[in-house]
Amino acid sequence: MAHELYTRTNQKIYFAGLALEAMNKASEGRAMNAQALVQAERESAVFHLYGALLGLCHEIAGFYRLPQANAPRVELLLTRQVLEEKAIPELAELVELAQAPQTWLAQLVATHAGLYQPLQAPKKVKADVFQPLIVAINLEDEEPLELSRETLEEWRQNLKGLAIRFRDGLNEC
């Protein structure tokens, strides 16, 4: 196997695809632990997508010979400070995507970070004792929806598209 930086990115994108296929099979299965299998494959897909993003960052940082080329986390590379040291268009695009909370890239990074958070007890709903038929809820504290296979596949395709586009640009130099 080649020891080029793009190899790891490609592997991680492929591994994410395998996890998504397994997630799909688990959701169709009738095993007693099907729900746990789906969750395990969902987390595996997020882990591999993050790894692919890190691999892509390593490709860019390696091409431009940045001192952060071996950074162990995406968050260390996708900062304005790194961009201030050297203007890199590919990195600038990734930083912009990562810092806009509504984008798929920011959601991927946040979802990956969420995998390392301890479980928290569900919040108690506060009810007004004078009006027992009305339940007060706080929309800000709602639990996040579980990621669908389609969303994860969309993230995978977006990442794959970025990698192909960036590599074309990096090879032109």
C-alpha atoms as a PDB file:
ATOM      1  CA  MET A   1       0.000   0.000   0.000  1.00  0.00           C
ATOM      2  CA  ALA A   2       1.223   3.475  -0.834  1.00  0.00           C
ATOM      3  CA  HIS A   3       2.387   5.656   2.001  1.00  0.00           C
ATOM      4  CA  GLU A   4       0.979   8.850   0.554  1.00  0.00           C
ATOM      5  CA  LEU A   5      -1.119  11.209   2.664  1.00  0.00           C
ATOM      6  CA  TYR A   6      -4.188  10.699   0.482  1.00  0.00           C
ATOM      7  CA  THR A   7      -4.184   6.954   1.277  1.00  0.00           C
ATOM      8  CA  ARG A   8      -5.453   7.499   4.811  1.00  0.00           C
ATOM      9  CA  THR A   9      -8.161   9.892   3.647  1.00  0.00           C
ATOM     10  CA  ASN A  10      -9.357   7.381   1.060  1.00  0.00           C
ATOM     11  CA  GLN A  11      -9.318   4.555   3.608  1.00  0.00           C
ATOM     12  CA  LYS A  12     -11.380   6.518   6.095  1.00  0.00           C
ATOM     13  CA  ILE A  13     -13.956   7.504   3.457  1.00  0.00           C
ATOM     14  CA  TYR A  14     -14.189   3.839   2.445  1.00  0.00           C
ATOM     15  CA  PHE A  15     -14.460   2.678   6.084  1.00  0.00           C
ATOM     16  CA  ALA A  16     -17.267   5.192   6.668  1.00  0.00           C
ATOM     17  CA  GLY A  17     -19.070   3.701   3.671  1.00  0.00           C
ATOM     18  CA  LEU A  18     -18.689   0.208   5.152  1.00  0.00           C
ATOM     19  CA  ALA A  19     -20.060   1.423   8.491  1.00  0.00           C
ATOM     20  CA  LEU A  20     -23.048   2.987   6.735  1.00  0.00           C
ATOM     21  CA  GLU A  21     -23.739  -0.271   4.871  1.00  0.00           C
ATOM     22  CA  ALA A  22     -23.561  -2.204   8.151  1.00  0.00           C
ATOM     23  CA  MET A  23     -25.823   0.396   9.771  1.00  0.00           C
ATOM     24  CA  ASN A  24     -28.367  -0.130   7.003  1.00  0.00           C
ATOM     25  CA  LYS A  25     -28.242  -3.926   7.406  1.00  0.00           C
ATOM     26  CA  ALA A  26     -28.573  -3.629  11.182  1.00  0.00           C
ATOM     27  CA  SER A  27     -31.621  -1.377  10.865  1.00  0.00           C
ATOM     28  CA  GLU A  28     -33.284  -3.935   8.588  1.00  0.00           C
ATOM     29  CA  GLY A  29     -32.390  -6.842  10.891  1.00  0.00           C
ATOM     30  CA  ARG A  30     -34.558  -8.377  13.525  1.00  0.00           C
ATOM     31  CA  ALA A  31     -31.844  -9.123  16.047  1.00  0.00           C
ATOM     32  CA  MET A  32     -32.552  -8.247  19.645  1.00  0.00           C
ATOM     33  CA  ASN A  33     -29.578  -5.923  19.672  1.00  0.00           C
ATOM     34  CA  ALA A  34     -30.426  -4.274  16.319  1.00  0.00           C
ATOM     35  CA  GLN A  35     -30.808  -0.848  17.902  1.00  0.00           C
ATOM     36  CA  ALA A  36     -27.399  -1.144  19.571  1.00  0.00           C
ATOM     37  CA  LEU A  37     -25.846  -2.293  16.285  1.00  0.00           C
ATOM     38  CA  VAL A  38     -27.311   0.715  14.477  1.00  0.00           C
ATOM     39  CA  GLN A  39     -25.931   3.067  17.129  1.00  0.00           C
ATOM     40  CA  ALA A  40     -22.516   1.385  17.019  1.00  0.00           C
ATOM     41  CA  GLU A  41     -22.318   1.702  13.237  1.00  0.00           C
ATOM     42  CA  ARG A  42     -23.534   5.319  13.387  1.00  0.00           C
ATOM     43  CA  GLU A  43     -20.735   6.187  15.793  1.00  0.00           C
ATOM     44  CA  SER A  44     -18.262   4.245  13.678  1.00  0.00           C
ATOM     45  CA  ALA A  45     -19.293   6.219  10.591  1.00  0.00           C
ATOM     46  CA  VAL A  46     -18.866   9.527  12.451  1.00  0.00           C
ATOM     47  CA  PHE A  47     -15.460   8.393  13.713  1.00  0.00           C
ATOM     48  CA  HIS A  48     -14.289   7.456  10.199  1.00  0.00           C
ATOM     49  CA  LEU A  49     -15.695  10.623   8.610  1.00  0.00           C
ATOM     50  CA  TYR A  50     -13.803  12.704  11.147  1.00  0.00           C
ATOM     51  CA  GLY A  51     -10.690  10.648  10.389  1.00  0.00           C
ATOM     52  CA  ALA A  52     -11.179  11.306   6.673  1.00  0.00           C
ATOM     53  CA  LEU A  53     -11.489  15.026   7.377  1.00  0.00           C
ATOM     54  CA  LEU A  54      -8.296  14.885   9.435  1.00  0.00           C
ATOM     55  CA  GLY A  55      -6.622  13.004   6.595  1.00  0.00           C
ATOM     56  CA  LEU A  56      -7.697  15.684   4.127  1.00  0.00           C
ATOM     57  CA  CYS A  57      -6.313  18.365   6.460  1.00  0.00           C
ATOM     58  CA  HIS A  58      -3.044  16.421   6.634  1.00  0.00           C
ATOM     59  CA  GLU A  59      -2.931  16.270   2.827  1.00  0.00           C
ATOM     60  CA  ILE A  60      -3.327  20.040   2.564  1.00  0.00           C
ATOM     61  CA  ALA A  61      -0.929  20.797   5.422  1.00  0.00           C
ATOM     62  CA  GLY A  62       1.629  18.388   3.996  1.00  0.00           C
ATOM     63  CA  PHE A  63       1.399  19.878   0.508  1.00  0.00           C
ATOM     64  CA  TYR A  64       1.963  23.389   1.864  1.00  0.00           C
ATOM     65  CA  ARG A  65       4.548  22.154   4.383  1.00  0.00           C
ATOM     66  CA  LEU A  66       2.779  23.611   7.397  1.00  0.00           C
ATOM     67  CA  PRO A  67       4.323  23.040  10.822  1.00  0.00           C
ATOM     68  CA  GLN A  68       0.920  21.651  11.944  1.00  0.00           C
ATOM     69  CA  ALA A  69       1.055  18.916   9.277  1.00  0.00           C
ATOM     70  CA  ASN A  70       0.895  16.160  11.919  1.00  0.00           C
ATOM     71  CA  ALA A  71      -1.811  17.697  14.099  1.00  0.00           C
ATOM     72  CA  PRO A  72      -3.770  14.976  15.902  1.00  0.00           C
ATOM     73  CA  ARG A  73      -7.120  16.808  15.701  1.00  0.00           C
ATOM     74  CA  VAL A  74      -8.965  18.718  13.000  1.00  0.00           C
ATOM     75  CA  GLU A  75      -9.683  21.553  15.403  1.00  0.00           C
ATOM     76  CA  LEU A  76      -5.958  22.336  15.618  1.00  0.00           C
ATOM     77  CA  LEU A  77      -5.715  22.891  11.863  1.00  0.00           C
ATOM     78  CA  LEU A  78      -9.011  24.592  11.089  1.00  0.00           C
ATOM     79  CA  THR A  79      -8.317  27.880  12.845  1.00  0.00           C
ATOM     80  CA  ARG A  80      -7.912  31.465  11.741  1.00  0.00           C
ATOM     81  CA  GLN A  81      -4.465  31.487  13.365  1.00  0.00           C
ATOM     82  CA  VAL A  82      -3.193  28.788  10.977  1.00  0.00           C
ATOM     83  CA  LEU A  83      -4.589  30.784   8.048  1.00  0.00           C
ATOM     84  CA  GLU A  84      -2.870  33.957   9.246  1.00  0.00           C
ATOM     85  CA  GLU A  85       0.490  32.210   9.083  1.00  0.00           C
ATOM     86  CA  LYS A  86       0.026  31.197   5.460  1.00  0.00           C
ATOM     87  CA  ALA A  87      -2.885  31.921   3.107  1.00  0.00           C
ATOM     88  CA  ILE A  88      -4.106  28.555   1.833  1.00  0.00           C
ATOM     89  CA  PRO A  89      -7.328  28.561  -0.214  1.00  0.00           C
ATOM     90  CA  GLU A  90      -8.268  24.941   0.546  1.00  0.00           C
ATOM     91  CA  LEU A  91      -7.731  25.422   4.246  1.00  0.00           C
ATOM     92  CA  ALA A  92      -9.622  28.736   4.148  1.00  0.00           C
ATOM     93  CA  GLU A  93     -12.634  26.953   2.664  1.00  0.00           C
ATOM     94  CA  LEU A  94     -12.497  24.263   5.336  1.00  0.00           C
ATOM     95  CA  VAL A  95     -12.156  26.869   8.109  1.00  0.00           C
ATOM     96  CA  GLU A  96     -15.154  28.758   6.752  1.00  0.00           C
ATOM     97  CA  LEU A  97     -17.232  25.571   6.634  1.00  0.00           C
ATOM     98  CA  ALA A  98     -16.109  24.500  10.099  1.00  0.00           C
ATOM     99  CA  GLN A  99     -16.929  27.842  11.716  1.00  0.00           C
ATOM    100  CA  ALA A 100     -20.458  28.163  10.291  1.00  0.00           C
ATOM    101  CA  PRO A 101     -22.605  26.046  12.667  1.00  0.00           C
ATOM    102  CA  GLN A 102     -25.274  25.212  10.080  1.00  0.00           C
ATOM    103  CA  THR A 103     -22.840  23.562   7.641  1.00  0.00           C
ATOM    104  CA  TRP A 104     -22.327  19.834   7.316  1.00  0.00           C
ATOM    105  CA  LEU A 105     -18.644  20.154   8.253  1.00  0.00           C
ATOM    106  CA  ALA A 106     -19.348  22.018  11.494  1.00  0.00           C
ATOM    107  CA  GLN A 107     -22.027  19.461  12.341  1.00  0.00           C
ATOM    108  CA  LEU A 108     -19.591  16.608  11.672  1.00  0.00           C
ATOM    109  CA  VAL A 109     -16.937  18.132  13.946  1.00  0.00           C
ATOM    110  CA  ALA A 110     -19.523  18.839  16.673  1.00  0.00           C
ATOM    111  CA  THR A 111     -21.000  15.343  16.390  1.00  0.00           C
ATOM    112  CA  HIS A 112     -17.553  13.801  16.687  1.00  0.00           C
ATOM    113  CA  ALA A 113     -16.801  15.923  19.762  1.00  0.00           C
ATOM    114  CA  GLY A 114     -20.130  14.811  21.224  1.00  0.00           C
ATOM    115  CA  LEU A 115     -19.002  11.182  21.114  1.00  0.00           C
ATOM    116  CA  TYR A 116     -16.565  11.966  23.920  1.00  0.00           C
ATOM    117  CA  GLN A 117     -19.048  13.709  26.218  1.00  0.00           C
ATOM    118  CA  PRO A 118     -20.355  11.819  29.258  1.00  0.00           C
ATOM    119  CA  LEU A 119     -23.981  10.787  29.260  1.00  0.00           C
ATOM    120  CA  GLN A 120     -26.270  13.272  30.905  1.00  0.00           C
ATOM    121  CA  ALA A 121     -29.509  12.559  32.677  1.00  0.00           C
ATOM    122  CA  PRO A 122     -32.581  13.795  30.822  1.00  0.00           C
ATOM    123  CA  LYS A 123     -33.850  17.143  32.006  1.00  0.00           C
ATOM    124  CA  LYS A 124     -37.039  17.161  34.051  1.00  0.00           C
ATOM    125  CA  VAL A 125     -39.993  18.905  32.472  1.00  0.00           C
ATOM    126  CA  LYS A 126     -41.204  21.762  34.644  1.00  0.00           C
ATOM    127  CA  ALA A 127     -44.965  21.823  34.946  1.00  0.00           C
ATOM    128  CA  ASP A 128     -47.100  24.615  36.354  1.00  0.00           C
ATOM    129  CA  VAL A 129     -48.963  23.155  39.343  1.00  0.00           C
ATOM    130  CA  PHE A 130     -51.874  25.535  38.776  1.00  0.00           C
ATOM    131  CA  GLN A 131     -52.402  24.373  35.192  1.00  0.00           C
ATOM    132  CA  PRO A 132     -51.829  20.616  35.165  1.00  0.00           C
ATOM    133  CA  LEU A 133     -52.922  20.213  31.535  1.00  0.00           C
ATOM    134  CA  ILE A 134     -50.211  22.487  30.171  1.00  0.00           C
ATOM    135  CA  VAL A 135     -46.637  21.276  30.127  1.00  0.00           C
ATOM    136  CA  ALA A 136     -43.854  23.805  29.791  1.00  0.00           C
ATOM    137  CA  ILE A 137     -40.949  22.784  27.629  1.00  0.00           C
ATOM    138  CA  ASN A 138     -37.751  24.517  26.671  1.00  0.00           C
ATOM    139  CA  LEU A 139     -36.940  24.093  22.984  1.00  0.00           C
ATOM    140  CA  GLU A 140     -33.264  24.897  23.543  1.00  0.00           C
ATOM    141  CA  ASP A 141     -32.833  21.833  25.751  1.00  0.00           C
ATOM    142  CA  GLU A 142     -34.299  19.345  23.310  1.00  0.00           C
ATOM    143  CA  GLU A 143     -32.207  16.277  22.696  1.00  0.00           C
ATOM    144  CA  PRO A 144     -30.550  16.268  19.293  1.00  0.00           C
ATOM    145  CA  LEU A 145     -32.091  13.964  16.738  1.00  0.00           C
ATOM    146  CA  GLU A 146     -30.128  10.871  15.910  1.00  0.00           C
ATOM    147  CA  LEU A 147     -28.254  11.188  12.683  1.00  0.00           C
ATOM    148  CA  SER A 148     -29.853   9.367   9.821  1.00  0.00           C
ATOM    149  CA  ARG A 149     -27.950   7.158   7.444  1.00  0.00           C
ATOM    150  CA  GLU A 150     -28.839   9.592   4.656  1.00  0.00           C
ATOM    151  CA  THR A 151     -27.302  12.529   6.514  1.00  0.00           C
ATOM    152  CA  LEU A 152     -24.116  10.603   7.189  1.00  0.00           C
ATOM    153  CA  GLU A 153     -23.944   9.487   3.554  1.00  0.00           C
ATOM    154  CA  GLU A 154     -24.422  13.096   2.456  1.00  0.00           C
ATOM    155  CA  TRP A 155     -21.518  14.144   4.692  1.00  0.00           C
ATOM    156  CA  ARG A 156     -19.432  11.321   3.210  1.00  0.00           C
ATOM    157  CA  GLN A 157     -20.193  12.408  -0.343  1.00  0.00           C
ATOM    158  CA  ASN A 158     -19.464  16.056   0.497  1.00  0.00           C
ATOM    159  CA  LEU A 159     -16.121  15.112   2.009  1.00  0.00           C
ATOM    160  CA  LYS A 160     -15.290  12.892  -0.947  1.00  0.00           C
ATOM    161  CA  GLY A 161     -16.160  15.726  -3.344  1.00  0.00           C
ATOM    162  CA  LEU A 162     -13.967  18.175  -1.428  1.00  0.00           C
ATOM    163  CA  ALA A 163     -11.053  15.748  -1.457  1.00  0.00           C
ATOM    164  CA  ILE A 164     -11.298  15.230  -5.220  1.00  0.00           C
ATOM    165  CA  ARG A 165     -11.643  18.947  -5.917  1.00  0.00           C
ATOM    166  CA  PHE A 166      -8.793  19.920  -3.600  1.00  0.00           C
ATOM    167  CA  ARG A 167      -6.499  17.264  -5.033  1.00  0.00           C
ATOM    168  CA  ASP A 168      -7.130  18.534  -8.552  1.00  0.00           C
ATOM    169  CA  GLY A 169      -6.116  22.033  -7.431  1.00  0.00           C
ATOM    170  CA  LEU A 170      -3.073  20.821  -5.518  1.00  0.00           C
ATOM    171  CA  ASN A 171      -1.828  18.829  -8.497  1.00  0.00           C
ATOM    172  CA  GLU A 172      -1.996  21.831 -10.827  1.00  0.00           C
ATOM    173  CA  CYS A 173       0.860  23.580  -8.987  1.00  0.00           C
END
